[in-house]
Protein backbone atom coordinates (compact mmCIF):
# COMPACT_ATOMS: atom_id res chain seq x y z
CA MET A 1 -0.21 -0.07 0.22
CA HIS A 2 1.39 3.56 -0.84
CA PHE A 3 0.59 6.60 1.63
CA SER A 4 2.54 8.76 -0.23
CA LYS A 5 -0.05 11.68 -1.31
CA LEU A 6 -1.20 11.49 3.27
CA ILE A 7 2.36 11.66 3.49
CA ALA A 8 2.47 14.36 1.13
CA THR A 9 -0.31 16.31 2.29
CA ILE A 10 0.83 15.81 6.45
CA LYS A 11 3.96 17.70 5.38
CA GLU A 12 2.11 20.21 3.34
CA ARG A 13 -0.09 21.03 6.87
CA ARG A 14 3.00 20.67 9.17
CA GLU A 15 4.75 23.03 7.40
CA MET A 16 2.00 25.39 6.69
CA LEU A 17 1.54 25.22 10.36
CA GLN A 18 5.12 25.54 10.41
CA VAL A 19 6.04 23.13 12.88
CA THR A 20 9.35 21.87 13.19
CA GLN A 21 9.26 17.49 12.20
CA GLU A 22 11.69 16.99 15.34
CA THR A 23 8.00 19.00 17.22
CA LEU A 24 5.41 16.88 14.94
CA ALA A 25 7.63 13.51 16.01
CA GLN A 26 7.28 14.66 19.27
CA LEU A 27 3.65 15.93 19.87
CA SER A 28 2.41 12.47 17.66
CA GLY A 29 4.99 10.00 19.75
CA VAL A 30 6.75 8.70 16.38
CA GLY A 31 10.15 8.81 16.11
CA LEU A 32 12.15 11.47 14.42
CA ARG A 33 13.86 9.30 11.38
CA THR A 34 10.99 6.93 10.77
CA LEU A 35 9.14 11.04 10.07
CA LYS A 36 12.05 11.72 8.18
CA GLN A 37 11.85 8.20 5.96
CA PHE A 38 8.10 8.96 5.19
CA GLU A 39 8.93 12.74 4.20
CA SER A 40 11.96 11.41 2.23
CA GLY A 41 9.71 8.97 0.21
CA LYS A 42 11.17 6.12 1.81
CA GLY A 43 9.52 3.50 3.93
CA ASN A 44 5.13 2.81 4.32
CA PRO A 45 3.85 4.38 7.49
CA THR A 46 0.93 2.07 9.20
CA LEU A 47 -2.30 3.20 9.81
CA THR A 48 -1.73 3.74 13.37
CA THR A 49 1.15 6.06 12.12
CA LEU A 50 -0.46 7.97 9.99
CA GLN A 51 -3.69 8.62 12.44
CA LYS A 52 -0.62 9.71 14.86
CA LEU A 53 1.15 12.53 12.83
CA ALA A 54 -2.76 13.63 11.82
CA ASP A 55 -3.88 13.40 15.19
CA ALA A 56 -1.43 15.54 16.16
CA LEU A 57 -2.11 17.76 13.34
CA GLY A 58 -5.54 18.82 13.58
CA MET A 59 -6.13 16.43 10.78
CA GLU A 60 -8.72 13.26 10.04
CA VAL A 61 -7.55 9.98 8.11
CA ASN A 62 -10.06 8.97 5.99
CA LEU A 63 -9.24 6.12 3.75
CA LYS A 64 -11.69 4.53 1.15
CA ILE A 65 -11.75 0.91 -0.11
CA LYS A 66 -12.42 0.02 -3.67
CA ASP A 67 -13.89 -3.41 -4.20
CA LEU A 68 -12.26 -4.72 -6.92
CA SER A 69 -13.85 -7.79 -7.28
CA SER A 70 -17.16 -6.52 -8.87
CA ASN A 71 -16.86 -5.58 -12.42
CA SER A 72 -19.87 -2.56 -12.16
């Protein structure tokens, strides 16, 4: 699963709020090294990690799951 668009949105929000990576890491409980890797496009965050980051930035994560079994 690729979360690149979600991570880009989180990064944009962080920058808009003028929050450093260090501060976001502290507020969210996500490791600084992990956050830096995600923002640089490396690694795939878990949904739990995405939720922690979003919560710390006052955001909400909504995901849609597409049913690929129907050919409608």
